[in-house]
Amino acid sequence: MRDIAGAIELPIVLVGSIVIGGGLGYFLDERLHTSPVFTLSLGFVGFAAGMIQLLRRLLKDMKIDGGS
């Protein structure tokens, strides 16, 4: 059951970070009346943060499993 929860959690973390970054960028674009500069840039930052978090969790799980 723990493996299933971990497998479901990983895509949620990645998508959630993109949505949060893009949403914050969209909010800033609306407030500052800019084109989608902040939406795109913060969306990419969210993607990068999600990938880093994803890799950290995978590496942590590999250490717990004995590295194999």
Protein backbone atom coordinates (compact mmCIF):
# COMPACT_ATOMS: atom_id res chain seq x y z
CA MET A 1 0.00 0.00 0.00
CA ARG A 2 2.90 2.37 0.75
CA ASP A 3 4.33 1.80 -2.74
CA ILE A 4 1.01 2.68 -4.34
CA ALA A 5 0.75 5.86 -2.27
CA GLY A 6 4.30 6.84 -3.27
CA ALA A 7 3.57 6.20 -6.94
CA ILE A 8 0.44 8.33 -6.82
CA GLU A 9 2.17 11.11 -4.89
CA LEU A 10 4.94 11.73 -7.43
CA PRO A 11 2.83 13.02 -10.33
CA ILE A 12 0.69 15.04 -7.93
CA VAL A 13 3.82 16.81 -6.63
CA LEU A 14 5.00 17.59 -10.16
CA VAL A 15 1.65 18.82 -11.47
CA GLY A 16 0.91 20.71 -8.26
CA SER A 17 4.13 22.66 -8.39
CA ILE A 18 3.49 23.63 -12.03
CA VAL A 19 -0.07 24.71 -11.22
CA ILE A 20 1.04 26.75 -8.21
CA GLY A 21 3.85 28.46 -10.13
CA GLY A 22 1.70 29.13 -13.18
CA GLY A 23 -1.21 30.31 -11.04
CA LEU A 24 0.98 32.75 -9.17
CA GLY A 25 2.39 33.97 -12.47
CA TYR A 26 -1.10 34.40 -13.91
CA PHE A 27 -2.13 36.38 -10.84
CA LEU A 28 0.91 38.65 -11.23
CA ASP A 29 0.24 39.08 -14.95
CA GLU A 30 -3.33 40.13 -14.25
CA ARG A 31 -2.32 42.59 -11.52
CA LEU A 32 0.57 44.12 -13.47
CA HIS A 33 -1.16 44.04 -16.89
CA THR A 34 1.70 42.19 -18.54
CA SER A 35 1.58 39.58 -21.23
CA PRO A 36 2.12 35.98 -20.09
CA VAL A 37 5.68 36.71 -18.99
CA PHE A 38 5.18 35.81 -15.35
CA THR A 39 2.87 32.90 -16.13
CA LEU A 40 5.45 31.26 -18.36
CA SER A 41 8.48 32.06 -16.24
CA LEU A 42 6.92 30.98 -12.94
CA GLY A 43 5.42 27.94 -14.66
CA PHE A 44 8.92 26.90 -15.69
CA VAL A 45 10.21 27.60 -12.18
CA GLY A 46 7.40 25.44 -10.81
CA PHE A 47 8.33 22.68 -13.25
CA ALA A 48 11.97 22.84 -12.17
CA ALA A 49 11.01 22.80 -8.49
CA GLY A 50 8.70 19.85 -9.10
CA MET A 51 11.44 17.92 -10.90
CA ILE A 52 13.90 18.61 -8.09
CA GLN A 53 11.39 17.43 -5.50
CA LEU A 54 10.59 14.37 -7.61
CA LEU A 55 14.26 13.43 -7.90
CA ARG A 56 14.85 13.97 -4.17
CA ARG A 57 12.00 11.62 -3.29
CA LEU A 58 13.14 9.00 -5.78
CA LEU A 59 16.71 9.13 -4.51
CA LYS A 60 15.47 8.92 -0.91
CA ASP A 61 13.40 5.85 -1.79
CA MET A 62 16.41 4.26 -3.51
CA LYS A 63 18.53 4.74 -0.37
CA ILE A 64 15.83 3.20 1.81
CA ASP A 65 15.53 0.20 -0.54
CA GLY A 66 19.25 -0.42 -0.39
CA GLY A 67 20.26 1.27 -3.62
CA SER A 68 18.97 -1.41 -5.96
